């Protein structure tokens, strides 16, 4: 009975924490049987070192393009996918990050070694809400990610410490403007964070907008 209930739950929602399943009366024997029969899998992230503990997935869940991001959200429900990962997802970058970059509250504990996630810790509450959008997925897990404009700002902010990120920031900004993104929104978010890159971001937005305008005129 527990196995059939588990099958129904995995159809209803392809990703579950084992603690959630236990609360619904699913025991470890049923989970083992589902794994043995190929009904369920212990999920692994791309380039990870093994299965993520404490999570169970429908056997076909890893075919979903949102799979890795959804796993990151399962482990970090307060987190926000950001920087190079967000740029790639928004079509504003072509570099594949070594790990999914996730902004988290400073006090969040370390993740298991199997999680291919880079934690970007913050003490600023607005870093987890300003310029952040949430979208639903077919996996039943909502994904929180920085918007395209916020992603541009974050890359410029990280470029202040990581020189290589400046080129990525300018490339992301150019793609954002070319896609019709509002330069004013990038400036607004940059002003909200009020850090040392504000002048750099404003100048870059003006330059990117002017370059696109000249391109249209030509």
N, C-alpha and C. Protein backbone atom coordinates (compact mmCIF):
# COMPACT_ATOMS: atom_id res chain seq x y z
N UNK A 1 0.83 -1.21 0.00
CA UNK A 1 0.00 0.00 0.00
C UNK A 1 0.87 1.26 0.00
N UNK A 2 1.94 1.22 0.83
CA UNK A 2 2.83 2.36 0.93
C UNK A 2 3.55 2.60 -0.40
N UNK A 3 3.91 1.52 -1.11
CA UNK A 3 4.59 1.66 -2.39
C UNK A 3 3.68 2.31 -3.42
N UNK A 4 2.45 1.89 -3.50
CA UNK A 4 1.53 2.49 -4.47
C UNK A 4 1.27 3.96 -4.13
N UNK A 5 1.22 4.26 -2.85
CA UNK A 5 1.06 5.65 -2.42
C UNK A 5 2.28 6.47 -2.84
N UNK A 6 3.47 5.89 -2.69
CA UNK A 6 4.69 6.57 -3.10
C UNK A 6 4.69 6.82 -4.61
N UNK A 7 4.27 5.83 -5.38
CA UNK A 7 4.20 6.00 -6.84
C UNK A 7 3.29 7.17 -7.20
N UNK A 8 2.15 7.25 -6.53
CA UNK A 8 1.20 8.34 -6.79
C UNK A 8 1.80 9.70 -6.45
N UNK A 9 2.53 9.74 -5.34
CA UNK A 9 3.15 11.00 -4.93
C UNK A 9 4.22 11.44 -5.93
N UNK A 10 4.97 10.49 -6.47
CA UNK A 10 6.03 10.82 -7.43
C UNK A 10 5.45 11.27 -8.76
N UNK A 11 4.26 10.83 -9.08
CA UNK A 11 3.58 11.32 -10.28
C UNK A 11 3.06 12.74 -10.03
N UNK A 12 2.53 12.93 -8.83
CA UNK A 12 1.99 14.23 -8.43
C UNK A 12 3.08 15.29 -8.39
N UNK A 13 4.24 14.90 -7.85
CA UNK A 13 5.37 15.83 -7.73
C UNK A 13 6.66 15.02 -7.87
N UNK A 14 7.44 15.26 -8.89
CA UNK A 14 8.60 14.40 -9.16
C UNK A 14 9.76 14.48 -8.18
N UNK A 15 9.82 15.52 -7.34
CA UNK A 15 10.91 15.66 -6.38
C UNK A 15 10.37 15.80 -4.96
N UNK A 16 10.93 14.99 -4.05
CA UNK A 16 10.49 15.02 -2.66
C UNK A 16 11.68 14.93 -1.71
N UNK A 17 11.57 15.63 -0.59
CA UNK A 17 12.50 15.36 0.51
C UNK A 17 12.00 14.10 1.21
N UNK A 18 12.91 13.25 1.64
CA UNK A 18 12.49 12.01 2.31
C UNK A 18 11.76 12.32 3.61
N UNK A 19 12.07 13.45 4.23
CA UNK A 19 11.36 13.84 5.46
C UNK A 19 9.89 14.15 5.15
N UNK A 20 9.62 14.73 3.98
CA UNK A 20 8.25 15.01 3.57
C UNK A 20 7.50 13.70 3.32
N UNK A 21 8.18 12.75 2.70
CA UNK A 21 7.56 11.46 2.43
C UNK A 21 7.24 10.73 3.73
N UNK A 22 8.16 10.81 4.68
CA UNK A 22 7.93 10.16 5.98
C UNK A 22 6.70 10.75 6.66
N UNK A 23 6.52 12.06 6.53
CA UNK A 23 5.36 12.72 7.13
C UNK A 23 4.06 12.27 6.48
N UNK A 24 4.16 11.74 5.26
CA UNK A 24 2.97 11.23 4.56
C UNK A 24 2.83 9.72 4.72
N UNK A 25 3.61 9.16 5.61
CA UNK A 25 3.47 7.74 5.91
C UNK A 25 4.26 6.80 5.03
N UNK A 26 5.21 7.33 4.26
CA UNK A 26 6.04 6.49 3.39
C UNK A 26 7.25 6.01 4.19
N UNK A 27 7.40 4.70 4.32
CA UNK A 27 8.51 4.17 5.11
C UNK A 27 9.74 3.87 4.24
N UNK A 28 10.87 3.62 4.89
CA UNK A 28 12.13 3.39 4.19
C UNK A 28 12.09 2.12 3.34
N UNK A 29 11.31 1.13 3.75
CA UNK A 29 11.19 -0.10 2.98
C UNK A 29 10.54 0.16 1.63
N UNK A 30 9.52 1.01 1.62
CA UNK A 30 8.85 1.35 0.36
C UNK A 30 9.78 2.15 -0.55
N UNK A 31 10.58 3.02 0.04
CA UNK A 31 11.53 3.80 -0.75
C UNK A 31 12.57 2.86 -1.38
N UNK A 32 13.06 1.92 -0.60
CA UNK A 32 14.05 0.97 -1.12
C UNK A 32 13.45 0.15 -2.26
N UNK A 33 12.21 -0.28 -2.09
CA UNK A 33 11.55 -1.07 -3.13
C UNK A 33 11.37 -0.25 -4.41
N UNK A 34 11.01 1.03 -4.24
CA UNK A 34 10.83 1.92 -5.40
C UNK A 34 12.16 2.11 -6.13
N UNK A 35 13.25 2.21 -5.36
CA UNK A 35 14.57 2.34 -5.97
C UNK A 35 14.97 1.05 -6.69
N UNK A 36 14.72 -0.09 -6.05
CA UNK A 36 15.06 -1.38 -6.65
C UNK A 36 14.29 -1.63 -7.93
N UNK A 37 13.05 -1.18 -8.00
CA UNK A 37 12.20 -1.41 -9.17
C UNK A 37 12.41 -0.35 -10.27
N UNK A 38 13.22 0.66 -9.99
CA UNK A 38 13.44 1.71 -10.97
C UNK A 38 12.31 2.71 -11.05
N UNK A 39 11.46 2.72 -10.04
CA UNK A 39 10.35 3.68 -9.99
C UNK A 39 10.86 5.05 -9.56
N UNK A 40 11.90 5.03 -8.72
CA UNK A 40 12.47 6.26 -8.18
C UNK A 40 13.99 6.20 -8.28
N UNK A 41 14.62 7.36 -8.13
CA UNK A 41 16.08 7.45 -8.14
C UNK A 41 16.53 8.35 -7.00
N UNK A 42 17.77 8.14 -6.58
CA UNK A 42 18.44 9.09 -5.69
C UNK A 42 19.10 10.10 -6.63
N UNK A 43 18.65 11.34 -6.63
CA UNK A 43 19.12 12.29 -7.64
C UNK A 43 20.57 12.71 -7.49
N UNK A 44 21.22 12.90 -8.62
CA UNK A 44 22.59 13.42 -8.67
C UNK A 44 22.61 14.66 -9.54
N UNK A 45 23.37 15.65 -9.13
CA UNK A 45 23.52 16.87 -9.92
C UNK A 45 24.62 16.68 -10.95
N UNK A 46 24.57 17.47 -12.00
CA UNK A 46 25.61 17.44 -13.02
C UNK A 46 26.97 17.73 -12.37
N UNK A 47 27.96 16.90 -12.68
CA UNK A 47 29.32 17.06 -12.14
C UNK A 47 29.40 16.89 -10.63
N UNK A 48 28.41 16.26 -10.03
CA UNK A 48 28.45 16.05 -8.58
C UNK A 48 29.22 14.78 -8.26
N UNK A 49 29.42 14.54 -6.97
CA UNK A 49 30.20 13.39 -6.52
C UNK A 49 29.33 12.25 -6.02
N UNK A 50 28.06 12.26 -6.36
CA UNK A 50 27.19 11.19 -5.91
C UNK A 50 25.79 11.70 -5.66
N UNK A 51 24.93 10.81 -5.19
CA UNK A 51 23.53 11.15 -4.95
C UNK A 51 23.38 12.13 -3.79
N UNK A 52 22.41 13.03 -3.93
CA UNK A 52 22.12 14.00 -2.89
C UNK A 52 21.34 13.32 -1.77
N UNK A 53 21.84 13.30 -0.56
CA UNK A 53 21.13 12.62 0.52
C UNK A 53 19.83 13.35 0.89
N UNK A 54 18.85 12.56 1.29
CA UNK A 54 17.60 13.14 1.80
C UNK A 54 16.62 13.57 0.74
N UNK A 55 16.86 13.24 -0.54
CA UNK A 55 15.94 13.61 -1.62
C UNK A 55 15.66 12.40 -2.49
N UNK A 56 14.42 12.25 -2.90
CA UNK A 56 14.00 11.16 -3.79
C UNK A 56 13.33 11.77 -5.01
N UNK A 57 13.56 11.16 -6.17
CA UNK A 57 13.01 11.70 -7.41
C UNK A 57 12.33 10.62 -8.22
N UNK A 58 11.34 11.04 -9.00
CA UNK A 58 10.75 10.18 -10.02
C UNK A 58 11.86 9.74 -10.97
N UNK A 59 11.75 8.53 -11.50
CA UNK A 59 12.82 7.98 -12.35
C UNK A 59 13.14 8.83 -13.57
N UNK A 60 12.17 9.61 -14.06
CA UNK A 60 12.39 10.43 -15.25
C UNK A 60 12.69 11.89 -14.93
N UNK A 61 12.74 12.23 -13.65
CA UNK A 61 12.87 13.65 -13.26
C UNK A 61 14.15 14.29 -13.77
N UNK A 62 15.22 13.50 -13.86
CA UNK A 62 16.50 14.09 -14.26
C UNK A 62 16.56 14.47 -15.75
N UNK A 63 15.51 14.15 -16.49
CA UNK A 63 15.43 14.56 -17.90
C UNK A 63 14.94 16.00 -18.04
N UNK A 64 14.37 16.54 -16.97
CA UNK A 64 13.84 17.90 -17.01
C UNK A 64 14.99 18.91 -17.00
N UNK A 65 14.96 19.91 -17.88
CA UNK A 65 16.05 20.90 -17.93
C UNK A 65 16.22 21.70 -16.64
N UNK A 66 15.19 21.75 -15.81
CA UNK A 66 15.27 22.48 -14.54
C UNK A 66 15.76 21.62 -13.39
N UNK A 67 16.14 20.39 -13.67
CA UNK A 67 16.43 19.41 -12.62
C UNK A 67 17.48 19.90 -11.62
N UNK A 68 18.65 20.31 -12.09
CA UNK A 68 19.71 20.73 -11.17
C UNK A 68 19.33 21.96 -10.37
N UNK A 69 18.70 22.94 -11.04
CA UNK A 69 18.28 24.15 -10.32
C UNK A 69 17.23 23.80 -9.26
N UNK A 70 16.32 22.89 -9.60
CA UNK A 70 15.29 22.49 -8.64
C UNK A 70 15.91 21.78 -7.44
N UNK A 71 16.92 20.95 -7.68
CA UNK A 71 17.61 20.29 -6.57
C UNK A 71 18.26 21.31 -5.65
N UNK A 72 18.87 22.33 -6.25
CA UNK A 72 19.49 23.39 -5.45
C UNK A 72 18.44 24.07 -4.57
N UNK A 73 17.26 24.31 -5.12
CA UNK A 73 16.19 24.94 -4.36
C UNK A 73 15.65 24.01 -3.27
N UNK A 74 15.64 22.71 -3.55
CA UNK A 74 15.20 21.75 -2.53
C UNK A 74 16.11 21.82 -1.31
N UNK A 75 17.40 21.97 -1.56
CA UNK A 75 18.37 22.04 -0.46
C UNK A 75 18.43 23.42 0.18
N UNK A 76 18.10 24.44 -0.61
CA UNK A 76 18.24 25.83 -0.15
C UNK A 76 16.96 26.61 -0.46
N UNK A 77 15.87 26.33 0.24
CA UNK A 77 14.59 26.97 -0.07
C UNK A 77 14.60 28.50 0.06
N UNK A 78 15.54 29.05 0.83
CA UNK A 78 15.66 30.50 0.94
C UNK A 78 16.61 31.07 -0.09
N UNK A 79 17.26 30.21 -0.86
CA UNK A 79 18.30 30.64 -1.77
C UNK A 79 17.79 31.29 -3.05
N UNK A 80 18.71 31.95 -3.75
CA UNK A 80 18.41 32.62 -5.02
C UNK A 80 19.53 32.28 -5.99
N UNK A 81 19.20 31.67 -7.11
CA UNK A 81 20.20 31.36 -8.14
C UNK A 81 20.65 32.66 -8.78
N UNK A 82 21.98 32.82 -8.93
CA UNK A 82 22.49 34.14 -9.30
C UNK A 82 23.75 34.07 -10.16
N UNK A 83 24.29 35.25 -10.43
CA UNK A 83 25.55 35.48 -11.13
C UNK A 83 25.68 34.72 -12.46
N UNK A 84 26.77 33.97 -12.64
CA UNK A 84 27.02 33.32 -13.93
C UNK A 84 25.94 32.29 -14.26
N UNK A 85 25.44 31.60 -13.23
CA UNK A 85 24.38 30.61 -13.47
C UNK A 85 23.12 31.29 -13.99
N UNK A 86 22.74 32.39 -13.35
CA UNK A 86 21.55 33.12 -13.79
C UNK A 86 21.76 33.71 -15.19
N UNK A 87 22.97 34.22 -15.45
CA UNK A 87 23.26 34.78 -16.77
C UNK A 87 23.09 33.72 -17.85
N UNK A 88 23.58 32.53 -17.58
CA UNK A 88 23.44 31.43 -18.54
C UNK A 88 21.98 31.08 -18.76
N UNK A 89 21.22 30.99 -17.68
CA UNK A 89 19.79 30.65 -17.78
C UNK A 89 19.00 31.71 -18.54
N UNK A 90 19.42 32.97 -18.41
CA UNK A 90 18.72 34.07 -19.09
C UNK A 90 19.21 34.29 -20.52
N UNK A 91 20.16 33.47 -20.97
CA UNK A 91 20.70 33.64 -22.31
C UNK A 91 21.58 34.86 -22.44
N UNK A 92 22.24 35.23 -21.34
CA UNK A 92 23.10 36.41 -21.35
C UNK A 92 24.56 36.03 -21.07
N UNK A 93 24.88 34.78 -21.20
CA UNK A 93 26.24 34.32 -20.98
C UNK A 93 26.39 32.93 -21.56
N UNK A 94 27.62 32.57 -21.93
CA UNK A 94 27.82 31.24 -22.51
C UNK A 94 28.84 30.41 -21.73
N UNK A 95 29.35 30.96 -20.64
CA UNK A 95 30.28 30.21 -19.82
C UNK A 95 29.53 29.29 -18.87
N UNK A 96 29.93 28.02 -18.80
CA UNK A 96 29.27 27.07 -17.91
C UNK A 96 29.93 27.11 -16.53
N UNK A 97 29.23 27.61 -15.52
CA UNK A 97 29.82 27.65 -14.18
C UNK A 97 30.15 26.25 -13.68
N UNK A 98 31.19 26.14 -12.87
CA UNK A 98 31.56 24.84 -12.32
C UNK A 98 30.50 24.32 -11.37
N UNK A 99 29.78 25.24 -10.74
CA UNK A 99 28.73 24.87 -9.79
C UNK A 99 27.60 25.88 -9.90
N UNK A 100 26.41 25.48 -9.49
CA UNK A 100 25.28 26.41 -9.47
C UNK A 100 25.52 27.42 -8.35
N UNK A 101 25.48 28.70 -8.71
CA UNK A 101 25.74 29.75 -7.73
C UNK A 101 24.43 30.20 -7.08
N UNK A 102 24.38 30.14 -5.76
CA UNK A 102 23.16 30.44 -5.04
C UNK A 102 23.45 31.41 -3.89
N UNK A 103 22.74 32.54 -3.89
CA UNK A 103 22.84 33.48 -2.78
C UNK A 103 22.02 32.93 -1.62
N UNK A 104 22.61 32.92 -0.43
CA UNK A 104 21.93 32.39 0.76
C UNK A 104 22.17 33.29 1.95
N UNK A 105 21.29 33.25 2.96
CA UNK A 105 21.57 33.98 4.20
C UNK A 105 22.91 33.52 4.79
N UNK A 106 23.60 34.44 5.44
CA UNK A 106 24.95 34.16 5.92
C UNK A 106 25.02 32.95 6.84
N UNK A 107 23.93 32.72 7.60
CA UNK A 107 23.97 31.65 8.60
C UNK A 107 23.66 30.25 8.05
N UNK A 108 23.38 30.14 6.77
CA UNK A 108 23.05 28.83 6.20
C UNK A 108 24.24 27.88 6.35
N UNK A 109 23.94 26.65 6.79
CA UNK A 109 25.00 25.67 7.02
C UNK A 109 25.57 25.16 5.70
N UNK A 110 26.71 24.50 5.79
CA UNK A 110 27.32 23.93 4.60
C UNK A 110 26.45 22.82 4.04
N UNK A 111 26.53 22.62 2.74
CA UNK A 111 25.78 21.56 2.07
C UNK A 111 26.59 20.27 2.04
N UNK A 112 25.93 19.14 1.82
CA UNK A 112 26.69 17.89 1.67
C UNK A 112 27.64 17.98 0.47
N UNK A 113 28.74 17.25 0.52
CA UNK A 113 29.77 17.34 -0.52
C UNK A 113 29.22 16.96 -1.89
N UNK A 114 28.12 16.18 -1.94
CA UNK A 114 27.56 15.75 -3.22
C UNK A 114 26.87 16.89 -3.96
N UNK A 115 26.59 17.98 -3.26
CA UNK A 115 25.87 19.10 -3.87
C UNK A 115 26.83 19.96 -4.68
N UNK A 116 26.58 20.06 -5.97
CA UNK A 116 27.43 20.87 -6.84
C UNK A 116 26.89 22.31 -6.84
N UNK A 117 27.03 22.95 -5.67
CA UNK A 117 26.48 24.28 -5.46
C UNK A 117 27.53 25.17 -4.79
N UNK A 118 27.66 26.39 -5.29
CA UNK A 118 28.54 27.38 -4.67
C UNK A 118 27.68 28.35 -3.88
N UNK A 119 27.91 28.42 -2.58
CA UNK A 119 27.13 29.32 -1.73
C UNK A 119 27.70 30.73 -1.77
N UNK A 120 26.84 31.70 -2.04
CA UNK A 120 27.20 33.12 -2.02
C UNK A 120 26.50 33.72 -0.80
N UNK A 121 27.20 33.77 0.30
CA UNK A 121 26.58 34.18 1.56
C UNK A 121 26.39 35.70 1.63
N UNK A 122 25.29 36.12 2.23
CA UNK A 122 25.00 37.54 2.38
C UNK A 122 24.37 37.82 3.73
N UNK A 123 24.65 39.01 4.27
CA UNK A 123 23.99 39.48 5.49
C UNK A 123 22.89 40.49 5.16
N UNK A 124 22.74 40.80 3.87
CA UNK A 124 21.77 41.81 3.46
C UNK A 124 20.46 41.16 3.05
N UNK A 125 19.39 41.47 3.77
CA UNK A 125 18.08 40.86 3.48
C UNK A 125 17.61 41.17 2.07
N UNK A 126 17.90 42.39 1.60
CA UNK A 126 17.42 42.79 0.27
C UNK A 126 18.10 42.01 -0.85
N UNK A 127 19.26 41.42 -0.56
CA UNK A 127 19.95 40.62 -1.58
C UNK A 127 19.15 39.37 -1.94
N UNK A 128 18.23 39.00 -1.06
CA UNK A 128 17.41 37.81 -1.28
C UNK A 128 16.02 38.14 -1.84
N UNK A 129 15.74 39.44 -2.02
CA UNK A 129 14.40 39.83 -2.48
C UNK A 129 14.42 40.83 -3.65
N UNK A 130 15.37 41.76 -3.65
CA UNK A 130 15.39 42.81 -4.68
C UNK A 130 15.85 42.25 -6.02
N UNK A 131 15.00 42.42 -7.04
CA UNK A 131 15.35 41.90 -8.36
C UNK A 131 15.39 40.39 -8.39
N UNK A 132 14.48 39.77 -7.68
CA UNK A 132 14.40 38.31 -7.62
C UNK A 132 13.02 37.88 -8.11
N UNK A 133 12.98 36.90 -8.99
CA UNK A 133 11.71 36.39 -9.52
C UNK A 133 11.57 34.90 -9.20
N UNK A 134 10.35 34.47 -8.99
CA UNK A 134 10.05 33.07 -8.69
C UNK A 134 9.21 32.49 -9.80
N UNK A 135 9.59 31.30 -10.25
CA UNK A 135 8.76 30.63 -11.27
C UNK A 135 8.55 29.17 -10.90
N UNK A 136 7.40 28.67 -11.29
CA UNK A 136 7.07 27.27 -11.02
C UNK A 136 7.73 26.38 -12.07
N UNK A 137 7.93 25.12 -11.72
CA UNK A 137 8.48 24.15 -12.67
C UNK A 137 7.60 22.91 -12.71
N UNK A 138 7.81 22.10 -13.72
CA UNK A 138 7.06 20.84 -13.85
C UNK A 138 7.48 19.85 -12.77
N UNK A 139 8.58 20.12 -12.10
CA UNK A 139 9.07 19.23 -11.05
C UNK A 139 8.38 19.49 -9.72
N UNK A 140 7.54 20.51 -9.68
CA UNK A 140 6.83 20.81 -8.44
C UNK A 140 7.65 21.62 -7.45
N UNK A 141 8.76 22.18 -7.91
CA UNK A 141 9.63 22.99 -7.06
C UNK A 141 9.76 24.38 -7.68
N UNK A 142 9.49 25.41 -6.91
CA UNK A 142 9.65 26.77 -7.40
C UNK A 142 11.13 27.14 -7.42
N UNK A 143 11.53 27.85 -8.47
CA UNK A 143 12.92 28.29 -8.59
C UNK A 143 12.98 29.81 -8.42
N UNK A 144 13.79 30.24 -7.49
CA UNK A 144 14.03 31.67 -7.25
C UNK A 144 15.34 32.05 -7.92
N UNK A 145 15.29 33.08 -8.75
CA UNK A 145 16.46 33.46 -9.52
C UNK A 145 16.50 34.98 -9.68
N UNK A 146 17.70 35.54 -9.76
CA UNK A 146 17.80 36.97 -10.01
C UNK A 146 17.26 37.27 -11.41
N UNK A 147 16.60 38.40 -11.54
CA UNK A 147 16.09 38.83 -12.84
C UNK A 147 17.28 39.17 -13.75
N UNK A 148 17.05 39.31 -15.05
CA UNK A 148 18.15 39.69 -15.93
C UNK A 148 18.86 40.98 -15.49
N UNK A 149 18.10 42.00 -15.10
CA UNK A 149 18.71 43.26 -14.68
C UNK A 149 19.53 43.08 -13.41
N UNK A 150 19.00 42.37 -12.44
CA UNK A 150 19.74 42.13 -11.19
C UNK A 150 20.98 41.29 -11.47
N UNK A 151 20.88 40.35 -12.39
CA UNK A 151 22.03 39.51 -12.73
C UNK A 151 23.18 40.36 -13.27
N UNK A 152 22.85 41.31 -14.11
CA UNK A 152 23.87 42.22 -14.64
C UNK A 152 24.55 42.97 -13.49
N UNK A 153 23.76 43.51 -12.59
CA UNK A 153 24.31 44.27 -11.46
C UNK A 153 25.21 43.38 -10.60
N UNK A 154 24.76 42.17 -10.32
CA UNK A 154 25.55 41.26 -9.48
C UNK A 154 26.90 40.93 -10.12
N UNK A 155 26.92 40.76 -11.44
CA UNK A 155 28.18 40.47 -12.11
C UNK A 155 29.15 41.66 -12.03
N UNK A 156 28.62 42.87 -12.15
CA UNK A 156 29.48 44.04 -11.97
C UNK A 156 29.97 44.12 -10.52
N UNK A 157 29.10 43.80 -9.57
CA UNK A 157 29.50 43.85 -8.16
C UNK A 157 30.59 42.82 -7.86
N UNK A 158 30.44 41.59 -8.39
CA UNK A 158 31.47 40.59 -8.15
C UNK A 158 32.74 40.92 -8.92
N UNK A 159 32.61 41.64 -10.05
CA UNK A 159 33.77 42.05 -10.84
C UNK A 159 34.67 43.01 -10.09
N UNK A 160 34.12 43.66 -9.06
CA UNK A 160 34.93 44.56 -8.23
C UNK A 160 36.01 43.77 -7.49
N UNK A 161 35.72 42.48 -7.23
CA UNK A 161 36.68 41.62 -6.52
C UNK A 161 37.30 40.56 -7.44
N UNK A 162 36.53 40.16 -8.46
CA UNK A 162 37.00 39.13 -9.39
C UNK A 162 37.08 39.75 -10.78
N UNK A 163 38.27 40.20 -11.20
CA UNK A 163 38.42 40.93 -12.47
C UNK A 163 37.78 40.23 -13.68
N UNK A 164 37.83 38.91 -13.72
CA UNK A 164 37.27 38.19 -14.85
C UNK A 164 35.78 38.37 -15.00
N UNK A 165 35.11 38.75 -13.89
CA UNK A 165 33.66 38.92 -13.95
C UNK A 165 33.25 40.22 -14.65
N UNK A 166 34.18 41.16 -14.80
CA UNK A 166 33.86 42.42 -15.48
C UNK A 166 33.50 42.15 -16.94
N UNK A 167 34.27 41.30 -17.60
CA UNK A 167 33.98 40.95 -19.00
C UNK A 167 32.63 40.25 -19.10
N UNK A 168 32.37 39.35 -18.15
CA UNK A 168 31.08 38.65 -18.14
C UNK A 168 29.94 39.63 -17.91
N UNK A 169 30.16 40.62 -17.05
CA UNK A 169 29.14 41.62 -16.77
C UNK A 169 28.83 42.45 -18.01
N UNK A 170 29.87 42.88 -18.71
CA UNK A 170 29.66 43.68 -19.93
C UNK A 170 28.96 42.86 -21.02
N UNK A 171 29.33 41.57 -21.14
CA UNK A 171 28.68 40.71 -22.12
C UNK A 171 27.21 40.50 -21.77
N UNK A 172 26.94 40.29 -20.48
CA UNK A 172 25.55 40.11 -20.03
C UNK A 172 24.73 41.37 -20.26
N UNK A 173 25.34 42.51 -19.98
CA UNK A 173 24.64 43.79 -20.19
C UNK A 173 24.33 44.00 -21.66
N UNK A 174 25.29 43.72 -22.53
CA UNK A 174 25.07 43.88 -23.98
C UNK A 174 23.92 43.00 -24.45
N UNK A 175 23.90 41.75 -23.96
CA UNK A 175 22.82 40.83 -24.34
C UNK A 175 21.49 41.30 -23.80
N UNK A 176 21.50 41.80 -22.58
CA UNK A 176 20.27 42.30 -21.94
C UNK A 176 19.68 43.46 -22.73
N UNK A 177 20.52 44.44 -23.08
CA UNK A 177 20.05 45.59 -23.85
C UNK A 177 19.58 45.17 -25.24
N UNK A 178 20.31 44.24 -25.86
CA UNK A 178 19.94 43.77 -27.20
C UNK A 178 18.59 43.06 -27.19
N UNK A 179 18.26 42.43 -26.07
CA UNK A 179 16.98 41.72 -25.95
C UNK A 179 15.83 42.67 -25.62
N UNK A 180 16.14 43.97 -25.51
CA UNK A 180 15.11 44.94 -25.20
C UNK A 180 14.98 45.27 -23.73
N UNK A 181 15.95 44.82 -22.93
CA UNK A 181 15.91 45.10 -21.50
C UNK A 181 16.05 46.59 -21.22
N UNK A 182 15.42 47.05 -20.16
CA UNK A 182 15.45 48.47 -19.81
C UNK A 182 16.70 48.81 -19.01
N UNK A 183 17.52 49.70 -19.57
CA UNK A 183 18.72 50.13 -18.86
C UNK A 183 18.39 50.79 -17.54
N UNK A 184 17.25 51.47 -17.49
CA UNK A 184 16.83 52.14 -16.27
C UNK A 184 16.64 51.18 -15.11
N UNK A 185 16.20 49.96 -15.41
CA UNK A 185 15.99 48.96 -14.35
C UNK A 185 17.33 48.50 -13.77
N UNK A 186 18.33 48.37 -14.63
CA UNK A 186 19.67 48.01 -14.14
C UNK A 186 20.19 49.11 -13.23
N UNK A 187 20.03 50.36 -13.65
CA UNK A 187 20.49 51.48 -12.82
C UNK A 187 19.74 51.53 -11.50
N UNK A 188 18.43 51.29 -11.55
CA UNK A 188 17.63 51.33 -10.31
C UNK A 188 18.13 50.32 -9.29
N UNK A 189 18.38 49.10 -9.76
CA UNK A 189 18.85 48.07 -8.86
C UNK A 189 20.24 48.39 -8.34
N UNK A 190 21.10 48.92 -9.21
CA UNK A 190 22.46 49.29 -8.78
C UNK A 190 22.39 50.38 -7.70
N UNK A 191 21.49 51.34 -7.87
CA UNK A 191 21.35 52.39 -6.85
C UNK A 191 20.83 51.81 -5.54
N UNK A 192 19.99 50.82 -5.65
CA UNK A 192 19.41 50.20 -4.45
C UNK A 192 20.51 49.59 -3.58
N UNK A 193 21.51 48.99 -4.23
CA UNK A 193 22.58 48.36 -3.45
C UNK A 193 23.66 49.36 -3.03
N UNK A 194 23.69 50.51 -3.66
CA UNK A 194 24.55 51.61 -3.24
C UNK A 194 26.00 51.20 -2.95
N UNK A 195 26.61 50.43 -3.85
CA UNK A 195 28.02 50.17 -3.58
C UNK A 195 28.95 50.82 -4.59
N UNK A 196 30.22 50.45 -4.47
CA UNK A 196 31.26 51.17 -5.20
C UNK A 196 31.16 51.03 -6.72
N UNK A 197 30.37 50.10 -7.19
CA UNK A 197 30.28 49.91 -8.65
C UNK A 197 29.16 50.72 -9.29
N UNK A 198 28.45 51.52 -8.51
CA UNK A 198 27.30 52.25 -9.05
C UNK A 198 27.68 53.08 -10.27
N UNK A 199 28.73 53.87 -10.16
CA UNK A 199 29.14 54.72 -11.28
C UNK A 199 29.54 53.87 -12.48
N UNK A 200 30.20 52.75 -12.22
CA UNK A 200 30.62 51.85 -13.30
C UNK A 200 29.41 51.28 -14.03
N UNK A 201 28.41 50.85 -13.27
CA UNK A 201 27.20 50.28 -13.87
C UNK A 201 26.46 51.33 -14.70
N UNK A 202 26.30 52.51 -14.15
CA UNK A 202 25.58 53.56 -14.89
C UNK A 202 26.29 53.92 -16.19
N UNK A 203 27.62 54.02 -16.14
CA UNK A 203 28.38 54.34 -17.36
C UNK A 203 28.29 53.22 -18.38
N UNK A 204 28.33 51.97 -17.89
CA UNK A 204 28.25 50.82 -18.79
C UNK A 204 26.89 50.73 -19.46
N UNK A 205 25.82 51.01 -18.71
CA UNK A 205 24.47 50.99 -19.27
C UNK A 205 24.35 52.05 -20.36
N UNK A 206 24.83 53.26 -20.08
CA UNK A 206 24.75 54.34 -21.08
C UNK A 206 25.53 53.97 -22.34
N UNK A 207 26.71 53.37 -22.15
CA UNK A 207 27.55 53.00 -23.30
C UNK A 207 26.89 51.89 -24.12
N UNK A 208 26.31 50.90 -23.45
CA UNK A 208 25.67 49.78 -24.15
C UNK A 208 24.44 50.25 -24.91
N UNK A 209 23.67 51.16 -24.27
CA UNK A 209 22.47 51.68 -24.92
C UNK A 209 22.84 52.52 -26.15
N UNK A 210 23.88 53.36 -26.00
CA UNK A 210 24.33 54.18 -27.12
C UNK A 210 24.84 53.33 -28.27
N UNK A 211 25.58 52.27 -27.94
CA UNK A 211 26.13 51.38 -28.96
C UNK A 211 25.01 50.71 -29.76
N UNK A 212 23.97 50.27 -29.04
CA UNK A 212 22.84 49.62 -29.73
C UNK A 212 22.11 50.63 -30.62
N UNK A 213 21.92 51.85 -30.12
CA UNK A 213 21.23 52.88 -30.87
C UNK A 213 21.99 53.22 -32.16
N UNK A 214 23.32 53.32 -32.06
CA UNK A 214 24.14 53.60 -33.24
C UNK A 214 24.06 52.46 -34.25
N UNK A 215 23.98 51.23 -33.70
CA UNK A 215 23.88 50.06 -34.57
C UNK A 215 22.59 50.08 -35.37
N UNK A 216 21.49 50.50 -34.73
CA UNK A 216 20.21 50.61 -35.43
C UNK A 216 20.28 51.70 -36.50
N UNK A 217 20.93 52.81 -36.15
CA UNK A 217 21.01 53.95 -37.08
C UNK A 217 21.82 53.59 -38.33
N UNK A 218 22.84 52.78 -38.12
CA UNK A 218 23.68 52.38 -39.26
C UNK A 218 22.92 51.44 -40.18
